[in-house]
């Protein structure tokens, strides 16, 4: 079930407190710059896709958004007090490695109510270069007609062999939202997934170039 643009069981004021925490909790540890937040559609269904290098990325993105957002979060985190807190702020557990009909059904209903759903299409943390992508984001677009909003992050993953840095620079770049027609069947889903993957990978490379030029 969905209440408004948040899943059933969400405590709206706790959701908003969680957004505030996400906006500020990492600032003592990172120098955070967000570019392009004005590109986030303020109304209507949106599937946000982002690369994923560490557990910090989702917190920062959740906090910087100018509207409420529901993210698909790996089910392993939904245990004990943390799991109860994630549910209270409206986040949705998803089982990785296979289609999770419960999670996808919940998020389709959120999108049907005009909400924003965040997906990390790589499926797991890595270098964040988006060399691969799962098909969940494309499926959500097919079922809801939502626009796609790519978001790139860099700076939360320490390069291998490097020393720990004091307040490293963390950059978030919001791309242009775009509509995507998802064709029928598995072929249509695969083709749309590649469009999403390529668009997000291009945005990550654009952010890498900006960070290099800034050095």
N, C-alpha and C. Protein backbone atom coordinates (compact mmCIF):
# COMPACT_ATOMS: atom_id res chain seq x y z
N UNK A 1 0.84 -1.20 0.00
CA UNK A 1 0.00 0.00 0.00
C UNK A 1 0.87 1.25 0.00
N UNK A 2 0.32 2.33 -0.52
CA UNK A 2 1.03 3.61 -0.57
C UNK A 2 0.11 4.69 -0.01
N UNK A 3 0.65 5.51 0.87
CA UNK A 3 -0.08 6.66 1.39
C UNK A 3 0.52 7.90 0.75
N UNK A 4 -0.24 8.55 -0.16
CA UNK A 4 0.33 9.67 -0.88
C UNK A 4 1.50 9.20 -1.72
N UNK A 5 2.65 9.86 -1.58
CA UNK A 5 3.84 9.52 -2.34
C UNK A 5 4.85 8.74 -1.51
N UNK A 6 4.42 8.20 -0.38
CA UNK A 6 5.30 7.42 0.49
C UNK A 6 4.64 6.08 0.79
N UNK A 7 5.42 5.02 1.00
CA UNK A 7 4.84 3.70 1.30
C UNK A 7 4.06 3.71 2.61
N UNK A 8 3.12 2.80 2.71
CA UNK A 8 2.35 2.65 3.95
C UNK A 8 3.30 2.34 5.10
N UNK A 9 3.06 2.93 6.24
CA UNK A 9 3.92 2.73 7.40
C UNK A 9 4.96 3.81 7.58
N UNK A 10 5.11 4.67 6.56
CA UNK A 10 6.05 5.78 6.67
C UNK A 10 5.50 6.82 7.66
N UNK A 11 6.38 7.38 8.45
CA UNK A 11 6.01 8.50 9.32
C UNK A 11 6.52 9.76 8.62
N UNK A 12 5.62 10.55 8.01
CA UNK A 12 6.07 11.66 7.17
C UNK A 12 7.04 12.62 7.86
N UNK A 13 6.78 12.98 9.11
CA UNK A 13 7.68 13.94 9.75
C UNK A 13 9.05 13.32 10.00
N UNK A 14 9.09 11.99 10.26
CA UNK A 14 10.39 11.32 10.39
C UNK A 14 11.12 11.27 9.05
N UNK A 15 10.35 11.09 7.98
CA UNK A 15 10.94 11.13 6.65
C UNK A 15 11.64 12.47 6.43
N UNK A 16 10.97 13.55 6.79
CA UNK A 16 11.55 14.88 6.59
C UNK A 16 12.75 15.11 7.51
N UNK A 17 12.70 14.57 8.73
CA UNK A 17 13.87 14.64 9.61
C UNK A 17 15.03 13.86 8.99
N UNK A 18 14.73 12.70 8.42
CA UNK A 18 15.77 11.91 7.76
C UNK A 18 16.41 12.65 6.61
N UNK A 19 15.61 13.39 5.86
CA UNK A 19 16.17 14.20 4.76
C UNK A 19 17.10 15.27 5.31
N UNK A 20 16.70 15.92 6.40
CA UNK A 20 17.54 16.95 7.01
C UNK A 20 18.86 16.35 7.49
N UNK A 21 18.78 15.17 8.11
CA UNK A 21 20.00 14.50 8.56
C UNK A 21 20.89 14.16 7.38
N UNK A 22 20.28 13.64 6.31
CA UNK A 22 21.05 13.30 5.12
C UNK A 22 21.74 14.50 4.51
N UNK A 23 21.13 15.67 4.65
CA UNK A 23 21.69 16.89 4.08
C UNK A 23 22.92 17.37 4.86
N UNK A 24 22.94 17.10 6.17
CA UNK A 24 23.97 17.71 7.00
C UNK A 24 24.92 16.75 7.69
N UNK A 25 24.56 15.47 7.85
CA UNK A 25 25.35 14.60 8.70
C UNK A 25 26.77 14.35 8.18
N UNK A 26 26.96 14.38 6.86
CA UNK A 26 28.28 14.09 6.30
C UNK A 26 29.14 15.34 6.11
N UNK A 27 28.59 16.50 6.34
CA UNK A 27 29.36 17.72 6.07
C UNK A 27 30.59 17.90 6.97
N UNK A 28 30.60 17.40 8.21
CA UNK A 28 31.86 17.49 8.97
C UNK A 28 32.99 16.64 8.38
N UNK A 29 32.62 15.64 7.57
CA UNK A 29 33.61 14.67 7.08
C UNK A 29 33.96 14.89 5.61
N UNK A 30 33.11 15.58 4.85
CA UNK A 30 33.35 15.80 3.42
C UNK A 30 33.09 17.27 3.07
N UNK A 31 33.78 17.74 2.03
CA UNK A 31 33.47 19.04 1.44
C UNK A 31 32.52 18.77 0.27
N UNK A 32 31.24 19.02 0.50
CA UNK A 32 30.20 18.58 -0.43
C UNK A 32 29.78 19.72 -1.35
N UNK A 33 29.78 19.41 -2.65
CA UNK A 33 29.28 20.36 -3.66
C UNK A 33 28.20 19.66 -4.49
N UNK A 34 27.04 20.27 -4.57
CA UNK A 34 25.94 19.73 -5.36
C UNK A 34 25.67 20.68 -6.53
N UNK A 35 25.68 20.14 -7.75
CA UNK A 35 25.46 20.94 -8.95
C UNK A 35 24.24 20.41 -9.70
N UNK A 36 23.36 21.31 -10.13
CA UNK A 36 22.23 20.92 -10.97
C UNK A 36 20.98 20.51 -10.23
N UNK A 37 20.90 20.81 -8.93
CA UNK A 37 19.72 20.37 -8.18
C UNK A 37 18.44 21.01 -8.73
N UNK A 38 18.57 22.14 -9.42
CA UNK A 38 17.39 22.78 -10.01
C UNK A 38 16.79 21.94 -11.14
N UNK A 39 17.50 20.91 -11.59
CA UNK A 39 17.00 20.03 -12.65
C UNK A 39 16.03 18.97 -12.11
N UNK A 40 15.96 18.81 -10.80
CA UNK A 40 15.07 17.80 -10.23
C UNK A 40 13.62 18.23 -10.43
N UNK A 41 12.80 17.44 -11.15
CA UNK A 41 11.39 17.80 -11.30
C UNK A 41 10.71 17.84 -9.93
N UNK A 42 9.99 18.90 -9.65
CA UNK A 42 9.38 19.07 -8.33
C UNK A 42 8.04 18.35 -8.20
N UNK A 43 7.48 17.94 -9.33
CA UNK A 43 6.22 17.20 -9.32
C UNK A 43 6.29 16.07 -10.34
N UNK A 44 5.38 15.12 -10.20
CA UNK A 44 5.27 14.04 -11.16
C UNK A 44 6.19 12.88 -10.86
N UNK A 45 5.92 11.72 -11.47
CA UNK A 45 6.71 10.52 -11.21
C UNK A 45 8.12 10.61 -11.79
N UNK A 46 9.10 10.26 -10.98
CA UNK A 46 10.51 10.32 -11.38
C UNK A 46 11.22 9.06 -10.91
N UNK A 47 11.98 8.44 -11.79
CA UNK A 47 12.90 7.37 -11.41
C UNK A 47 14.31 7.95 -11.42
N UNK A 48 14.87 8.14 -10.24
CA UNK A 48 16.23 8.65 -10.10
C UNK A 48 17.20 7.48 -10.16
N UNK A 49 18.21 7.58 -11.01
CA UNK A 49 19.24 6.53 -11.09
C UNK A 49 20.58 7.16 -10.74
N UNK A 50 21.35 6.48 -9.91
CA UNK A 50 22.62 7.03 -9.45
C UNK A 50 23.67 5.93 -9.36
N UNK A 51 24.93 6.31 -9.54
CA UNK A 51 26.01 5.37 -9.32
C UNK A 51 26.23 5.21 -7.81
N UNK A 52 27.00 4.19 -7.44
CA UNK A 52 27.04 3.80 -6.02
C UNK A 52 28.44 3.32 -5.68
N UNK A 53 29.14 4.08 -4.83
CA UNK A 53 30.49 3.71 -4.42
C UNK A 53 30.60 3.39 -2.94
N UNK A 54 29.69 3.94 -2.12
CA UNK A 54 29.73 3.70 -0.68
C UNK A 54 28.37 3.96 -0.08
N UNK A 55 28.21 3.66 1.20
CA UNK A 55 26.95 3.90 1.89
C UNK A 55 26.68 5.39 2.09
N UNK A 56 27.68 6.22 1.85
CA UNK A 56 27.50 7.66 2.01
C UNK A 56 26.68 8.24 0.85
N UNK A 57 26.86 7.71 -0.35
CA UNK A 57 26.18 8.25 -1.53
C UNK A 57 24.66 8.37 -1.34
N UNK A 58 23.97 7.29 -0.92
CA UNK A 58 22.52 7.41 -0.78
C UNK A 58 22.11 8.46 0.25
N UNK A 59 22.85 8.58 1.33
CA UNK A 59 22.51 9.58 2.35
C UNK A 59 22.58 10.99 1.78
N UNK A 60 23.66 11.27 1.05
CA UNK A 60 23.85 12.61 0.50
C UNK A 60 22.78 12.93 -0.54
N UNK A 61 22.49 11.98 -1.43
CA UNK A 61 21.48 12.21 -2.46
C UNK A 61 20.10 12.40 -1.83
N UNK A 62 19.75 11.55 -0.88
CA UNK A 62 18.48 11.65 -0.18
C UNK A 62 18.32 13.03 0.46
N UNK A 63 19.40 13.53 1.05
CA UNK A 63 19.35 14.81 1.73
C UNK A 63 19.31 16.01 0.81
N UNK A 64 19.94 15.90 -0.36
CA UNK A 64 20.03 17.09 -1.24
C UNK A 64 18.79 17.29 -2.09
N UNK A 65 17.91 16.29 -2.19
CA UNK A 65 16.74 16.41 -3.06
C UNK A 65 15.74 17.41 -2.50
N UNK A 66 15.13 18.22 -3.36
CA UNK A 66 14.17 19.22 -2.90
C UNK A 66 12.75 18.66 -2.74
N UNK A 67 12.59 17.36 -2.75
CA UNK A 67 11.29 16.73 -2.58
C UNK A 67 11.48 15.38 -1.91
N UNK A 68 10.39 14.82 -1.40
CA UNK A 68 10.46 13.52 -0.75
C UNK A 68 10.85 12.44 -1.76
N UNK A 69 11.56 11.44 -1.27
CA UNK A 69 12.06 10.39 -2.16
C UNK A 69 12.03 9.05 -1.46
N UNK A 70 11.73 8.01 -2.22
CA UNK A 70 11.73 6.64 -1.74
C UNK A 70 12.82 5.89 -2.47
N UNK A 71 13.76 5.30 -1.72
CA UNK A 71 14.86 4.57 -2.34
C UNK A 71 14.70 3.07 -2.13
N UNK A 72 15.12 2.31 -3.13
CA UNK A 72 15.26 0.87 -2.98
C UNK A 72 16.59 0.60 -2.29
N UNK A 73 16.51 -0.05 -1.12
CA UNK A 73 17.69 -0.28 -0.27
C UNK A 73 17.85 -1.78 -0.07
N UNK A 74 19.09 -2.27 -0.11
CA UNK A 74 19.31 -3.71 0.02
C UNK A 74 18.70 -4.24 1.31
N UNK A 75 18.04 -5.38 1.21
CA UNK A 75 17.26 -5.93 2.32
C UNK A 75 18.13 -6.28 3.53
N UNK A 76 19.42 -6.51 3.31
CA UNK A 76 20.30 -6.88 4.43
C UNK A 76 20.39 -5.79 5.50
N UNK A 77 20.07 -4.55 5.12
CA UNK A 77 20.14 -3.45 6.09
C UNK A 77 18.89 -3.34 6.95
N UNK A 78 17.84 -4.08 6.58
CA UNK A 78 16.57 -3.96 7.29
C UNK A 78 16.50 -4.94 8.45
N UNK A 79 17.40 -4.78 9.41
CA UNK A 79 17.42 -5.59 10.62
C UNK A 79 17.56 -4.65 11.83
N UNK A 80 16.93 -5.03 12.94
CA UNK A 80 17.09 -4.29 14.18
C UNK A 80 16.62 -2.85 14.08
N UNK A 81 17.18 -1.97 14.91
CA UNK A 81 16.78 -0.56 14.93
C UNK A 81 16.97 0.14 13.59
N UNK A 82 18.05 -0.20 12.86
CA UNK A 82 18.28 0.43 11.56
C UNK A 82 17.15 0.10 10.60
N UNK A 83 16.73 -1.16 10.58
CA UNK A 83 15.65 -1.56 9.70
C UNK A 83 14.36 -0.84 10.02
N UNK A 84 14.05 -0.72 11.30
CA UNK A 84 12.82 -0.01 11.70
C UNK A 84 12.90 1.47 11.30
N UNK A 85 14.09 2.05 11.45
CA UNK A 85 14.26 3.46 11.08
C UNK A 85 14.10 3.66 9.57
N UNK A 86 14.68 2.75 8.77
CA UNK A 86 14.55 2.86 7.32
C UNK A 86 13.10 2.76 6.87
N UNK A 87 12.35 1.85 7.48
CA UNK A 87 10.94 1.72 7.13
C UNK A 87 10.15 2.97 7.56
N UNK A 88 10.50 3.52 8.72
CA UNK A 88 9.78 4.69 9.22
C UNK A 88 9.96 5.91 8.31
N UNK A 89 11.13 6.00 7.66
CA UNK A 89 11.35 7.14 6.77
C UNK A 89 10.98 6.81 5.31
N UNK A 90 10.36 5.63 5.12
CA UNK A 90 9.77 5.34 3.82
C UNK A 90 10.66 4.65 2.80
N UNK A 91 11.76 4.04 3.26
CA UNK A 91 12.62 3.36 2.31
C UNK A 91 12.16 1.91 2.14
N UNK A 92 12.46 1.32 0.98
CA UNK A 92 11.88 0.03 0.61
C UNK A 92 12.97 -1.03 0.49
N UNK A 93 12.86 -2.15 1.23
CA UNK A 93 13.86 -3.20 1.11
C UNK A 93 13.72 -3.96 -0.21
N UNK A 94 14.86 -4.27 -0.83
CA UNK A 94 14.84 -5.03 -2.07
C UNK A 94 15.86 -6.15 -1.98
N UNK A 95 15.46 -7.33 -2.42
CA UNK A 95 16.37 -8.47 -2.47
C UNK A 95 17.15 -8.43 -3.76
N UNK A 96 18.47 -8.39 -3.66
CA UNK A 96 19.31 -8.27 -4.84
C UNK A 96 19.50 -9.62 -5.52
N UNK A 97 19.74 -9.58 -6.82
CA UNK A 97 20.07 -10.79 -7.56
C UNK A 97 18.90 -11.46 -8.23
N UNK A 98 17.67 -11.05 -7.90
CA UNK A 98 16.49 -11.63 -8.55
C UNK A 98 15.37 -10.60 -8.48
N UNK A 99 14.39 -10.67 -9.40
CA UNK A 99 13.29 -9.71 -9.37
C UNK A 99 12.53 -9.77 -8.05
N UNK A 100 12.41 -8.66 -7.36
CA UNK A 100 11.70 -8.59 -6.08
C UNK A 100 10.34 -7.94 -6.35
N UNK A 101 9.32 -8.77 -6.52
CA UNK A 101 8.01 -8.27 -6.93
C UNK A 101 7.37 -7.38 -5.86
N UNK A 102 7.63 -7.69 -4.59
CA UNK A 102 7.05 -6.87 -3.53
C UNK A 102 7.62 -5.46 -3.57
N UNK A 103 8.96 -5.36 -3.66
CA UNK A 103 9.61 -4.05 -3.70
C UNK A 103 9.21 -3.28 -4.95
N UNK A 104 9.22 -3.95 -6.09
CA UNK A 104 8.87 -3.26 -7.33
C UNK A 104 7.41 -2.82 -7.34
N UNK A 105 6.52 -3.67 -6.79
CA UNK A 105 5.12 -3.30 -6.72
C UNK A 105 4.90 -2.08 -5.85
N UNK A 106 5.59 -2.03 -4.71
CA UNK A 106 5.47 -0.87 -3.82
C UNK A 106 5.92 0.40 -4.51
N UNK A 107 7.06 0.32 -5.18
CA UNK A 107 7.60 1.53 -5.81
C UNK A 107 6.80 1.95 -7.05
N UNK A 108 6.20 1.01 -7.75
CA UNK A 108 5.31 1.38 -8.85
C UNK A 108 4.13 2.18 -8.33
N UNK A 109 3.60 1.79 -7.17
CA UNK A 109 2.49 2.52 -6.59
C UNK A 109 2.92 3.91 -6.13
N UNK A 110 4.14 4.03 -5.61
CA UNK A 110 4.68 5.35 -5.25
C UNK A 110 4.73 6.23 -6.50
N UNK A 111 5.25 5.68 -7.58
CA UNK A 111 5.33 6.45 -8.83
C UNK A 111 3.94 6.78 -9.36
N UNK A 112 2.99 5.86 -9.23
CA UNK A 112 1.63 6.11 -9.68
C UNK A 112 0.98 7.26 -8.93
N UNK A 113 1.44 7.49 -7.69
CA UNK A 113 0.93 8.62 -6.89
C UNK A 113 1.71 9.90 -7.17
N UNK A 114 2.65 9.84 -8.16
CA UNK A 114 3.43 11.02 -8.51
C UNK A 114 4.69 11.19 -7.72
N UNK A 115 5.18 10.12 -7.11
CA UNK A 115 6.36 10.20 -6.27
C UNK A 115 7.68 10.04 -7.01
N UNK A 116 8.76 10.14 -6.25
CA UNK A 116 10.12 9.96 -6.77
C UNK A 116 10.72 8.71 -6.15
N UNK A 117 11.25 7.83 -6.98
CA UNK A 117 11.88 6.59 -6.53
C UNK A 117 13.33 6.58 -6.95
N UNK A 118 14.23 6.31 -6.01
CA UNK A 118 15.66 6.24 -6.30
C UNK A 118 16.14 4.81 -6.44
N UNK A 119 16.94 4.56 -7.49
CA UNK A 119 17.46 3.23 -7.79
C UNK A 119 18.95 3.33 -8.07
N UNK A 120 19.72 2.38 -7.56
CA UNK A 120 21.13 2.26 -7.89
C UNK A 120 21.27 1.08 -8.84
N UNK A 121 21.24 1.35 -10.17
CA UNK A 121 21.11 0.27 -11.14
C UNK A 121 22.29 -0.69 -11.21
N UNK A 122 23.44 -0.31 -10.65
CA UNK A 122 24.57 -1.25 -10.63
C UNK A 122 24.27 -2.45 -9.74
N UNK A 123 23.36 -2.28 -8.79
CA UNK A 123 22.93 -3.39 -7.96
C UNK A 123 23.79 -3.62 -6.73
N UNK A 124 25.02 -3.13 -6.73
CA UNK A 124 25.91 -3.31 -5.59
C UNK A 124 26.97 -2.24 -5.64
N UNK A 125 27.63 -2.01 -4.50
CA UNK A 125 28.68 -1.00 -4.48
C UNK A 125 29.89 -1.47 -5.25
N UNK A 126 30.56 -0.51 -5.91
CA UNK A 126 31.76 -0.82 -6.66
C UNK A 126 32.53 0.45 -6.92
N UNK A 127 33.16 0.53 -8.07
CA UNK A 127 33.92 1.73 -8.41
C UNK A 127 33.00 2.89 -8.79
N UNK A 128 31.73 2.59 -9.08
CA UNK A 128 30.79 3.64 -9.42
C UNK A 128 30.88 4.12 -10.85
N UNK A 129 31.49 3.31 -11.74
CA UNK A 129 31.65 3.70 -13.13
C UNK A 129 30.47 3.28 -14.01
N UNK A 130 29.54 2.53 -13.46
CA UNK A 130 28.33 2.07 -14.15
C UNK A 130 28.67 1.25 -15.38
N UNK A 131 29.51 0.24 -15.19
CA UNK A 131 29.86 -0.66 -16.28
C UNK A 131 28.77 -1.69 -16.54
N UNK A 132 27.85 -1.83 -15.61
CA UNK A 132 26.73 -2.78 -15.75
C UNK A 132 25.51 -2.17 -15.07
N UNK A 133 24.33 -2.72 -15.38
CA UNK A 133 23.11 -2.21 -14.77
C UNK A 133 22.05 -3.31 -14.73
N UNK A 134 21.31 -3.35 -13.63
CA UNK A 134 20.16 -4.24 -13.53
C UNK A 134 18.97 -3.58 -14.24
N UNK A 135 17.91 -4.37 -14.45
CA UNK A 135 16.79 -3.89 -15.27
C UNK A 135 15.65 -3.27 -14.48
N UNK A 136 15.79 -3.16 -13.15
CA UNK A 136 14.70 -2.65 -12.33
C UNK A 136 14.26 -1.25 -12.68
N UNK A 137 15.22 -0.36 -12.95
CA UNK A 137 14.87 1.03 -13.26
C UNK A 137 14.05 1.12 -14.54
N UNK A 138 14.48 0.39 -15.58
CA UNK A 138 13.74 0.40 -16.84
C UNK A 138 12.35 -0.18 -16.67
N UNK A 139 12.22 -1.22 -15.84
CA UNK A 139 10.91 -1.82 -15.60
C UNK A 139 9.99 -0.82 -14.92
N UNK A 140 10.51 -0.07 -13.94
CA UNK A 140 9.70 0.94 -13.26
C UNK A 140 9.23 2.01 -14.24
N UNK A 141 10.10 2.42 -15.14
CA UNK A 141 9.73 3.41 -16.15
C UNK A 141 8.64 2.86 -17.06
N UNK A 142 8.81 1.62 -17.47
CA UNK A 142 7.80 1.00 -18.34
C UNK A 142 6.43 0.97 -17.66
N UNK A 143 6.40 0.63 -16.37
CA UNK A 143 5.14 0.45 -15.67
C UNK A 143 4.48 1.76 -15.24
N UNK A 144 5.27 2.83 -15.15
CA UNK A 144 4.74 4.08 -14.59
C UNK A 144 4.75 5.26 -15.56
N UNK A 145 5.58 5.20 -16.59
CA UNK A 145 5.74 6.35 -17.47
C UNK A 145 6.55 7.48 -16.85
N UNK A 146 7.29 7.18 -15.80
CA UNK A 146 8.09 8.19 -15.11
C UNK A 146 9.23 8.68 -15.99
N UNK A 147 9.68 9.91 -15.73
CA UNK A 147 10.90 10.39 -16.37
C UNK A 147 12.10 9.84 -15.60
N UNK A 148 13.23 9.79 -16.28
CA UNK A 148 14.48 9.29 -15.68
C UNK A 148 15.35 10.48 -15.31
N UNK A 149 15.88 10.45 -14.09
CA UNK A 149 16.76 11.52 -13.62
C UNK A 149 18.10 10.92 -13.21
N UNK A 150 19.17 11.12 -14.00
CA UNK A 150 20.48 10.58 -13.64
C UNK A 150 21.19 11.49 -12.63
N UNK A 151 21.86 10.87 -11.67
CA UNK A 151 22.64 11.61 -10.66
C UNK A 151 23.98 10.90 -10.47
N UNK A 152 25.06 11.65 -10.60
CA UNK A 152 26.42 11.11 -10.44
C UNK A 152 27.03 11.62 -9.15
N UNK A 153 27.77 10.75 -8.48
CA UNK A 153 28.51 11.14 -7.28
C UNK A 153 29.94 10.66 -7.40
N UNK A 154 30.85 11.44 -6.84
CA UNK A 154 32.26 11.06 -6.76
C UNK A 154 32.85 11.63 -5.46
N UNK A 155 33.76 10.87 -4.88
CA UNK A 155 34.50 11.36 -3.73
C UNK A 155 34.32 10.56 -2.46
N UNK A 156 33.35 9.63 -2.44
CA UNK A 156 33.14 8.85 -1.23
C UNK A 156 34.02 7.60 -1.18
N UNK A 157 34.57 7.21 -2.31
CA UNK A 157 35.40 6.01 -2.37
C UNK A 157 36.86 6.41 -2.42
N UNK A 158 37.65 5.94 -1.46
CA UNK A 158 39.07 6.27 -1.43
C UNK A 158 39.81 5.43 -2.46
N UNK A 159 40.60 6.07 -3.35
CA UNK A 159 41.34 5.31 -4.36
C UNK A 159 42.24 4.27 -3.71
N UNK A 160 42.33 3.06 -4.28
CA UNK A 160 43.17 2.00 -3.71
C UNK A 160 44.62 2.47 -3.55
N UNK A 161 45.18 2.20 -2.39
CA UNK A 161 46.58 2.55 -2.14
C UNK A 161 46.81 3.95 -1.65
N UNK A 162 45.76 4.78 -1.66
CA UNK A 162 45.92 6.16 -1.22
C UNK A 162 45.73 6.25 0.29
N UNK A 163 46.26 7.30 0.87
CA UNK A 163 46.12 7.51 2.30
C UNK A 163 44.78 8.17 2.60
N UNK A 164 44.30 7.99 3.82
CA UNK A 164 43.06 8.63 4.22
C UNK A 164 43.24 10.15 4.19
N UNK A 165 42.26 10.85 3.61
CA UNK A 165 42.35 12.29 3.45
C UNK A 165 41.45 13.00 4.47
N UNK A 166 41.84 14.21 4.82
CA UNK A 166 41.04 15.02 5.72
C UNK A 166 39.97 15.75 4.91
N UNK A 167 38.71 15.48 5.20
CA UNK A 167 37.56 16.09 4.52
C UNK A 167 37.73 16.09 3.00
N UNK A 168 37.71 14.90 2.38
CA UNK A 168 37.82 14.86 0.92
C UNK A 168 36.63 15.54 0.26
N UNK A 169 36.85 15.94 -1.00
CA UNK A 169 35.80 16.63 -1.77
C UNK A 169 34.80 15.61 -2.29
N UNK A 170 33.54 15.85 -2.03
CA UNK A 170 32.46 14.97 -2.49
C UNK A 170 31.58 15.79 -3.43
N UNK A 171 31.45 15.33 -4.66
CA UNK A 171 30.68 16.06 -5.67
C UNK A 171 29.45 15.27 -6.08
N UNK A 172 28.35 16.00 -6.23
CA UNK A 172 27.11 15.43 -6.76
C UNK A 172 26.71 16.26 -7.98
N UNK A 173 26.46 15.58 -9.10
CA UNK A 173 26.06 16.24 -10.33
C UNK A 173 24.72 15.67 -10.78
N UNK A 174 23.70 16.52 -10.84
CA UNK A 174 22.37 16.11 -11.30
C UNK A 174 22.27 16.36 -12.79
N UNK A 175 21.93 15.33 -13.54
CA UNK A 175 21.80 15.47 -14.98
C UNK A 175 20.42 15.95 -15.39
N UNK A 176 20.22 16.07 -16.69
CA UNK A 176 18.92 16.48 -17.23
C UNK A 176 17.95 15.30 -17.19
N UNK A 177 16.74 15.49 -16.69
CA UNK A 177 15.75 14.42 -16.74
C UNK A 177 15.35 14.16 -18.19
N UNK A 178 15.02 12.90 -18.49
CA UNK A 178 14.62 12.57 -19.85
C UNK A 178 13.53 11.51 -19.85
N UNK A 179 12.70 11.56 -20.88
CA UNK A 179 11.67 10.55 -21.07
C UNK A 179 12.26 9.36 -21.79
N UNK A 180 11.72 8.18 -21.52
CA UNK A 180 12.26 6.96 -22.12
C UNK A 180 11.10 6.03 -22.46
N UNK A 181 10.99 5.70 -23.73
CA UNK A 181 9.99 4.74 -24.17
C UNK A 181 10.59 3.34 -24.06
N UNK A 182 10.00 2.50 -23.23
CA UNK A 182 10.51 1.15 -23.01
C UNK A 182 9.69 0.18 -23.85
N UNK A 183 10.37 -0.49 -24.79
CA UNK A 183 9.68 -1.41 -25.68
C UNK A 183 9.18 -2.66 -24.99
N UNK A 184 8.44 -3.45 -25.73
CA UNK A 184 7.84 -4.66 -25.17
C UNK A 184 8.87 -5.76 -24.95
N UNK A 185 8.52 -6.64 -24.03
CA UNK A 185 9.30 -7.85 -23.83
C UNK A 185 10.68 -7.61 -23.25
N UNK A 186 11.43 -8.71 -23.20
CA UNK A 186 12.77 -8.66 -22.62
C UNK A 186 13.72 -7.80 -23.45
N UNK A 187 13.52 -7.82 -24.77
CA UNK A 187 14.39 -7.02 -25.63
C UNK A 187 14.22 -5.53 -25.35
N UNK A 188 12.97 -5.09 -25.24
CA UNK A 188 12.71 -3.69 -24.95
C UNK A 188 13.27 -3.28 -23.61
N UNK A 189 13.16 -4.17 -22.63
CA UNK A 189 13.68 -3.89 -21.29
C UNK A 189 15.20 -3.79 -21.32
N UNK A 190 15.85 -4.70 -22.04
CA UNK A 190 17.31 -4.68 -22.14
C UNK A 190 17.81 -3.43 -22.85
N UNK A 191 17.11 -3.05 -23.91
CA UNK A 191 17.52 -1.85 -24.66
C UNK A 191 17.37 -0.59 -23.80
N UNK A 192 16.27 -0.49 -23.07
CA UNK A 192 16.06 0.67 -22.21
C UNK A 192 17.07 0.71 -21.07
N UNK A 193 17.40 -0.45 -20.54
CA UNK A 193 18.40 -0.52 -19.48
C UNK A 193 19.75 -0.02 -19.97
N UNK A 194 20.10 -0.34 -21.19
CA UNK A 194 21.37 0.13 -21.74
C UNK A 194 21.34 1.64 -21.95
N UNK A 195 20.21 2.20 -22.35
CA UNK A 195 20.10 3.65 -22.49
C UNK A 195 20.32 4.32 -21.13
N UNK A 196 19.71 3.77 -20.09
CA UNK A 196 19.88 4.32 -18.74
C UNK A 196 21.32 4.18 -18.29
N UNK A 197 21.89 3.00 -18.49
CA UNK A 197 23.28 2.77 -18.05
C UNK A 197 24.23 3.72 -18.76
N UNK A 198 24.07 3.85 -20.07
CA UNK A 198 24.97 4.70 -20.84
C UNK A 198 24.83 6.17 -20.43
N UNK A 199 23.59 6.62 -20.23
CA UNK A 199 23.37 8.00 -19.82
C UNK A 199 23.99 8.31 -18.47
N UNK A 200 23.85 7.38 -17.53
CA UNK A 200 24.43 7.59 -16.20
C UNK A 200 25.95 7.51 -16.25
N UNK A 201 26.49 6.57 -17.03
CA UNK A 201 27.95 6.45 -17.17
C UNK A 201 28.54 7.72 -17.79
N UNK A 202 27.85 8.29 -18.78
CA UNK A 202 28.32 9.53 -19.40
C UNK A 202 28.34 10.67 -18.38
N UNK A 203 27.32 10.71 -17.52
CA UNK A 203 27.27 11.76 -16.50
C UNK A 203 28.40 11.59 -15.49
N UNK A 204 28.71 10.37 -15.14
CA UNK A 204 29.82 10.11 -14.22
C UNK A 204 31.14 10.57 -14.84
N UNK A 205 31.32 10.29 -16.13
CA UNK A 205 32.55 10.75 -16.81
C UNK A 205 32.61 12.27 -16.87
N UNK A 206 31.46 12.90 -17.10
CA UNK A 206 31.42 14.37 -17.10
C UNK A 206 31.84 14.92 -15.74
N UNK A 207 31.37 14.30 -14.68
CA UNK A 207 31.75 14.73 -13.33
C UNK A 207 33.24 14.49 -13.10
N UNK A 208 33.75 13.36 -13.57
CA UNK A 208 35.19 13.09 -13.43
C UNK A 208 36.01 14.18 -14.11
N UNK A 209 35.59 14.60 -15.29
CA UNK A 209 36.31 15.65 -16.02
C UNK A 209 36.26 16.97 -15.26
N UNK A 210 35.11 17.29 -14.69
CA UNK A 210 34.99 18.53 -13.91
C UNK A 210 35.91 18.50 -12.70
N UNK A 211 36.00 17.33 -12.05
CA UNK A 211 36.86 17.22 -10.87
C UNK A 211 38.33 17.32 -11.25
N UNK A 212 38.69 16.77 -12.41
CA UNK A 212 40.08 16.85 -12.87
C UNK A 212 40.44 18.29 -13.20
N UNK A 213 39.54 19.00 -13.88
CA UNK A 213 39.81 20.39 -14.26
C UNK A 213 39.92 21.29 -13.03
N UNK A 214 39.24 20.91 -11.94
CA UNK A 214 39.24 21.73 -10.74
C UNK A 214 40.50 21.57 -9.91
N UNK A 215 41.26 20.51 -10.17
CA UNK A 215 42.47 20.24 -9.38
C UNK A 215 43.54 21.28 -9.67
